[in-house]
N, C-alpha and C. Protein backbone atom coordinates (compact mmCIF):
# COMPACT_ATOMS: atom_id res chain seq x y z
N MET A 1 -7.94 -4.31 -16.39
CA MET A 1 -7.25 -3.41 -15.47
C MET A 1 -8.25 -2.41 -14.89
N LEU A 2 -8.13 -2.14 -13.61
CA LEU A 2 -8.99 -1.14 -12.97
C LEU A 2 -8.68 0.24 -13.53
N MET A 3 -9.68 1.06 -13.66
CA MET A 3 -9.47 2.45 -14.05
C MET A 3 -9.20 3.25 -12.78
N PRO A 4 -8.34 4.26 -12.85
CA PRO A 4 -8.00 5.04 -11.65
C PRO A 4 -9.22 5.56 -10.89
N SER A 5 -10.27 5.95 -11.59
CA SER A 5 -11.44 6.50 -10.91
C SER A 5 -12.26 5.41 -10.22
N ASN A 6 -11.95 4.15 -10.50
CA ASN A 6 -12.72 3.06 -9.92
C ASN A 6 -12.09 2.49 -8.65
N LEU A 7 -11.00 3.03 -8.20
CA LEU A 7 -10.38 2.52 -6.98
C LEU A 7 -11.24 2.84 -5.77
N SER A 8 -11.36 1.87 -4.89
CA SER A 8 -12.06 2.12 -3.64
C SER A 8 -11.19 3.00 -2.75
N TYR A 9 -11.82 3.56 -1.73
CA TYR A 9 -11.06 4.38 -0.79
C TYR A 9 -9.96 3.54 -0.13
N ALA A 10 -10.28 2.30 0.22
CA ALA A 10 -9.29 1.43 0.87
C ALA A 10 -8.12 1.15 -0.07
N ALA A 11 -8.40 0.84 -1.34
CA ALA A 11 -7.33 0.58 -2.30
C ALA A 11 -6.47 1.82 -2.51
N ALA A 12 -7.11 2.98 -2.59
CA ALA A 12 -6.37 4.23 -2.74
C ALA A 12 -5.51 4.49 -1.51
N SER A 13 -6.03 4.20 -0.32
CA SER A 13 -5.26 4.37 0.91
C SER A 13 -4.03 3.47 0.91
N ILE A 14 -4.19 2.26 0.43
CA ILE A 14 -3.08 1.31 0.38
C ILE A 14 -2.03 1.80 -0.62
N LEU A 15 -2.45 2.23 -1.80
CA LEU A 15 -1.50 2.77 -2.79
C LEU A 15 -0.74 3.96 -2.22
N LEU A 16 -1.47 4.85 -1.56
CA LEU A 16 -0.83 6.03 -0.99
C LEU A 16 0.16 5.66 0.11
N SER A 17 -0.19 4.70 0.94
CA SER A 17 0.73 4.30 2.01
C SER A 17 2.00 3.71 1.43
N ILE A 18 1.89 2.91 0.37
CA ILE A 18 3.07 2.33 -0.26
C ILE A 18 3.91 3.43 -0.91
N SER A 19 3.27 4.39 -1.53
CA SER A 19 4.02 5.49 -2.14
C SER A 19 4.71 6.35 -1.09
N ASN A 20 4.23 6.30 0.15
CA ASN A 20 4.85 7.04 1.26
C ASN A 20 5.89 6.21 2.00
N GLY A 21 6.22 5.02 1.49
CA GLY A 21 7.31 4.25 2.07
C GLY A 21 6.93 3.07 2.94
N TYR A 22 5.65 2.80 3.08
CA TYR A 22 5.21 1.62 3.83
C TYR A 22 5.15 0.48 2.82
N GLN A 23 6.01 -0.53 2.97
CA GLN A 23 6.21 -1.46 1.87
C GLN A 23 5.72 -2.88 2.08
N TYR A 24 5.36 -3.28 3.27
CA TYR A 24 4.91 -4.66 3.46
C TYR A 24 3.61 -4.67 4.27
N GLY A 25 2.93 -5.80 4.25
CA GLY A 25 1.58 -5.92 4.77
C GLY A 25 1.32 -5.32 6.14
N PHE A 26 2.05 -5.76 7.16
CA PHE A 26 1.79 -5.27 8.51
C PHE A 26 2.05 -3.77 8.61
N ASP A 27 3.07 -3.30 7.90
CA ASP A 27 3.39 -1.87 7.90
C ASP A 27 2.24 -1.08 7.27
N ILE A 28 1.68 -1.61 6.18
CA ILE A 28 0.55 -0.96 5.50
C ILE A 28 -0.68 -0.97 6.40
N MET A 29 -0.90 -2.08 7.10
CA MET A 29 -2.04 -2.15 8.03
C MET A 29 -1.89 -1.12 9.14
N ASP A 30 -0.69 -0.96 9.68
CA ASP A 30 -0.47 0.03 10.73
C ASP A 30 -0.73 1.44 10.22
N CYS A 31 -0.26 1.72 9.02
CA CYS A 31 -0.40 3.06 8.46
C CYS A 31 -1.86 3.40 8.16
N THR A 32 -2.56 2.47 7.53
CA THR A 32 -3.92 2.76 7.07
C THR A 32 -4.99 2.50 8.12
N GLY A 33 -4.68 1.63 9.09
CA GLY A 33 -5.69 1.23 10.06
C GLY A 33 -6.65 0.19 9.52
N LEU A 34 -6.38 -0.33 8.34
CA LEU A 34 -7.24 -1.34 7.72
C LEU A 34 -6.85 -2.72 8.22
N PRO A 35 -7.82 -3.63 8.34
CA PRO A 35 -7.53 -4.99 8.81
C PRO A 35 -6.88 -5.84 7.70
N SER A 36 -6.26 -6.92 8.10
CA SER A 36 -5.57 -7.80 7.15
C SER A 36 -6.52 -8.35 6.09
N GLY A 37 -7.77 -8.60 6.47
CA GLY A 37 -8.76 -9.12 5.52
C GLY A 37 -9.11 -8.13 4.43
N THR A 38 -8.76 -6.88 4.61
CA THR A 38 -8.94 -5.86 3.58
C THR A 38 -7.63 -5.63 2.83
N VAL A 39 -6.53 -5.52 3.57
CA VAL A 39 -5.24 -5.16 2.98
C VAL A 39 -4.71 -6.24 2.03
N TYR A 40 -4.63 -7.47 2.47
CA TYR A 40 -3.99 -8.50 1.64
C TYR A 40 -4.75 -8.80 0.35
N PRO A 41 -6.08 -8.92 0.38
CA PRO A 41 -6.79 -9.10 -0.90
C PRO A 41 -6.62 -7.88 -1.82
N ALA A 42 -6.62 -6.68 -1.25
CA ALA A 42 -6.44 -5.47 -2.06
C ALA A 42 -5.05 -5.44 -2.67
N LEU A 43 -4.04 -5.84 -1.92
CA LEU A 43 -2.68 -5.89 -2.47
C LEU A 43 -2.63 -6.83 -3.68
N ARG A 44 -3.27 -7.98 -3.58
CA ARG A 44 -3.30 -8.92 -4.71
C ARG A 44 -4.01 -8.30 -5.92
N ARG A 45 -5.16 -7.65 -5.67
CA ARG A 45 -5.90 -7.03 -6.77
C ARG A 45 -5.10 -5.90 -7.42
N LEU A 46 -4.47 -5.08 -6.59
CA LEU A 46 -3.68 -3.97 -7.12
C LEU A 46 -2.48 -4.47 -7.93
N GLU A 47 -1.87 -5.56 -7.46
CA GLU A 47 -0.76 -6.13 -8.21
C GLU A 47 -1.26 -6.75 -9.52
N ASP A 48 -2.38 -7.46 -9.47
CA ASP A 48 -2.96 -8.05 -10.68
C ASP A 48 -3.33 -6.97 -11.70
N ALA A 49 -3.73 -5.80 -11.23
CA ALA A 49 -4.11 -4.70 -12.10
C ALA A 49 -2.88 -3.96 -12.66
N GLY A 50 -1.70 -4.31 -12.16
CA GLY A 50 -0.48 -3.66 -12.63
C GLY A 50 -0.13 -2.38 -11.90
N TYR A 51 -0.80 -2.10 -10.79
CA TYR A 51 -0.54 -0.89 -10.02
C TYR A 51 0.59 -1.06 -9.01
N LEU A 52 0.91 -2.30 -8.69
CA LEU A 52 1.98 -2.61 -7.75
C LEU A 52 2.87 -3.69 -8.33
N SER A 53 4.13 -3.67 -7.94
CA SER A 53 5.03 -4.79 -8.17
C SER A 53 5.46 -5.27 -6.79
N SER A 54 5.97 -6.49 -6.72
CA SER A 54 6.38 -7.01 -5.42
C SER A 54 7.56 -7.95 -5.57
N GLU A 55 8.26 -8.12 -4.47
CA GLU A 55 9.31 -9.13 -4.41
C GLU A 55 9.48 -9.56 -2.96
N TRP A 56 9.84 -10.82 -2.81
CA TRP A 56 10.04 -11.37 -1.47
C TRP A 56 11.37 -10.90 -0.91
N GLU A 57 11.39 -10.68 0.37
CA GLU A 57 12.59 -10.28 1.10
C GLU A 57 13.68 -11.34 0.91
N ALA A 58 14.87 -10.87 0.61
CA ALA A 58 16.01 -11.78 0.45
C ALA A 58 16.92 -11.68 1.67
N GLY A 59 17.76 -12.65 1.84
CA GLY A 59 18.73 -12.61 2.92
C GLY A 59 18.27 -13.34 4.16
N ALA A 60 19.04 -13.16 5.21
CA ALA A 60 18.83 -13.91 6.45
C ALA A 60 18.02 -13.14 7.49
N SER A 61 17.60 -11.92 7.19
CA SER A 61 16.88 -11.10 8.18
C SER A 61 15.69 -11.81 8.81
N PRO A 62 14.82 -12.47 8.04
CA PRO A 62 13.68 -13.14 8.67
C PRO A 62 14.11 -14.20 9.69
N GLN A 63 15.11 -14.98 9.34
CA GLN A 63 15.58 -16.02 10.25
C GLN A 63 16.22 -15.41 11.49
N ILE A 64 17.01 -14.38 11.30
CA ILE A 64 17.66 -13.72 12.43
C ILE A 64 16.62 -13.10 13.35
N ASP A 65 15.62 -12.45 12.75
CA ASP A 65 14.56 -11.79 13.52
C ASP A 65 13.46 -12.75 13.96
N GLN A 66 13.56 -14.01 13.55
CA GLN A 66 12.59 -15.06 13.88
C GLN A 66 11.18 -14.66 13.48
N ARG A 67 11.04 -14.36 12.19
CA ARG A 67 9.74 -13.97 11.63
C ARG A 67 9.66 -14.48 10.20
N PRO A 68 8.47 -14.52 9.64
CA PRO A 68 8.33 -14.92 8.24
C PRO A 68 8.96 -13.89 7.31
N ALA A 69 9.34 -14.31 6.11
CA ALA A 69 9.84 -13.38 5.10
C ALA A 69 8.73 -12.41 4.71
N ARG A 70 9.11 -11.20 4.41
CA ARG A 70 8.15 -10.16 4.02
C ARG A 70 8.10 -10.05 2.50
N LYS A 71 6.93 -9.73 2.01
CA LYS A 71 6.76 -9.42 0.60
C LYS A 71 6.69 -7.90 0.50
N TYR A 72 7.65 -7.30 -0.21
CA TYR A 72 7.72 -5.85 -0.32
C TYR A 72 7.04 -5.39 -1.61
N TYR A 73 6.27 -4.32 -1.49
CA TYR A 73 5.50 -3.78 -2.61
C TYR A 73 6.03 -2.42 -3.02
N ALA A 74 5.91 -2.12 -4.31
CA ALA A 74 6.28 -0.81 -4.86
C ALA A 74 5.20 -0.39 -5.84
N VAL A 75 4.93 0.90 -5.91
CA VAL A 75 3.94 1.44 -6.83
C VAL A 75 4.57 1.54 -8.22
N THR A 76 3.87 1.05 -9.23
CA THR A 76 4.33 1.13 -10.61
C THR A 76 3.91 2.47 -11.22
N HIS A 77 4.32 2.71 -12.47
CA HIS A 77 3.89 3.94 -13.15
C HIS A 77 2.37 3.96 -13.30
N GLY A 78 1.80 2.81 -13.62
CA GLY A 78 0.33 2.72 -13.70
C GLY A 78 -0.32 3.00 -12.36
N GLY A 79 0.31 2.54 -11.28
CA GLY A 79 -0.19 2.79 -9.94
C GLY A 79 -0.12 4.26 -9.57
N GLU A 80 0.94 4.93 -10.03
CA GLU A 80 1.05 6.37 -9.77
C GLU A 80 -0.08 7.13 -10.45
N ALA A 81 -0.39 6.73 -11.69
CA ALA A 81 -1.51 7.38 -12.40
C ALA A 81 -2.83 7.09 -11.71
N ALA A 82 -3.01 5.84 -11.27
CA ALA A 82 -4.24 5.48 -10.55
C ALA A 82 -4.35 6.27 -9.26
N LEU A 83 -3.23 6.43 -8.56
CA LEU A 83 -3.24 7.19 -7.31
C LEU A 83 -3.58 8.65 -7.55
N GLU A 84 -3.05 9.23 -8.61
CA GLU A 84 -3.38 10.63 -8.92
C GLU A 84 -4.89 10.78 -9.12
N GLY A 85 -5.49 9.85 -9.86
CA GLY A 85 -6.93 9.89 -10.07
C GLY A 85 -7.70 9.71 -8.77
N ALA A 86 -7.21 8.80 -7.93
CA ALA A 86 -7.88 8.54 -6.65
C ALA A 86 -7.78 9.75 -5.73
N LEU A 87 -6.67 10.45 -5.76
CA LEU A 87 -6.53 11.64 -4.91
C LEU A 87 -7.47 12.75 -5.36
N ARG A 88 -7.78 12.79 -6.65
CA ARG A 88 -8.79 13.76 -7.12
C ARG A 88 -10.18 13.32 -6.67
N ARG A 89 -10.42 12.01 -6.68
CA ARG A 89 -11.72 11.48 -6.28
C ARG A 89 -11.94 11.60 -4.77
N TYR A 90 -10.88 11.35 -4.01
CA TYR A 90 -10.94 11.40 -2.54
C TYR A 90 -9.99 12.49 -2.04
N PRO A 91 -10.38 13.75 -2.12
CA PRO A 91 -9.46 14.85 -1.80
C PRO A 91 -8.93 14.84 -0.36
N LEU A 92 -9.65 14.25 0.56
CA LEU A 92 -9.18 14.23 1.94
C LEU A 92 -8.21 13.09 2.21
N LEU A 93 -8.07 12.17 1.27
CA LEU A 93 -7.20 11.02 1.46
C LEU A 93 -5.76 11.44 1.71
N ASP A 94 -5.25 12.38 0.93
CA ASP A 94 -3.86 12.80 1.09
C ASP A 94 -3.63 13.39 2.48
N ARG A 95 -4.54 14.21 2.95
CA ARG A 95 -4.41 14.81 4.28
C ARG A 95 -4.47 13.75 5.37
N ALA A 96 -5.38 12.78 5.23
CA ALA A 96 -5.50 11.70 6.22
C ALA A 96 -4.24 10.87 6.25
N ALA A 97 -3.65 10.59 5.09
CA ALA A 97 -2.43 9.78 5.03
C ALA A 97 -1.27 10.50 5.69
N VAL A 98 -1.18 11.82 5.49
CA VAL A 98 -0.10 12.57 6.13
C VAL A 98 -0.25 12.51 7.64
N THR A 99 -1.46 12.63 8.14
CA THR A 99 -1.70 12.54 9.58
C THR A 99 -1.32 11.18 10.10
N LEU A 100 -1.72 10.11 9.40
CA LEU A 100 -1.35 8.76 9.82
C LEU A 100 0.15 8.57 9.77
N THR A 101 0.79 9.08 8.73
CA THR A 101 2.23 8.94 8.58
C THR A 101 2.94 9.61 9.76
N GLU A 102 2.50 10.80 10.13
CA GLU A 102 3.11 11.49 11.25
C GLU A 102 2.94 10.71 12.55
N LYS A 103 1.77 10.12 12.75
CA LYS A 103 1.52 9.36 13.99
C LYS A 103 2.34 8.08 14.05
N THR A 104 2.45 7.37 12.92
CA THR A 104 3.13 6.07 12.94
C THR A 104 4.64 6.20 12.84
N ARG A 105 5.15 7.30 12.41
CA ARG A 105 6.60 7.48 12.26
C ARG A 105 7.25 8.03 13.53
N ARG A 106 6.47 8.37 14.53
CA ARG A 106 7.04 8.95 15.76
C ARG A 106 7.73 7.92 16.59
């Protein structure tokens, strides 16, 4: 398992975006500004480390909206601890995420 102080800035940004309510890949990419080649591998690593849990979207929404099913992510208790450590390591991360959140939620 990764130690909280060992999270990269990108991984910490992804954890923070999920904790702020961005729950699936494209939403996380929009919030963080990170490309898919960074986000999706990081999501897998964070889930393997026990920092995230996930589940596939249920219901008919994807078919109705004519899009693929989404995999939704949630921060676990271990992920919350890792995020706290990362926010100490990257003190400007929280401020940057708030700015991104304000821009993308408008």
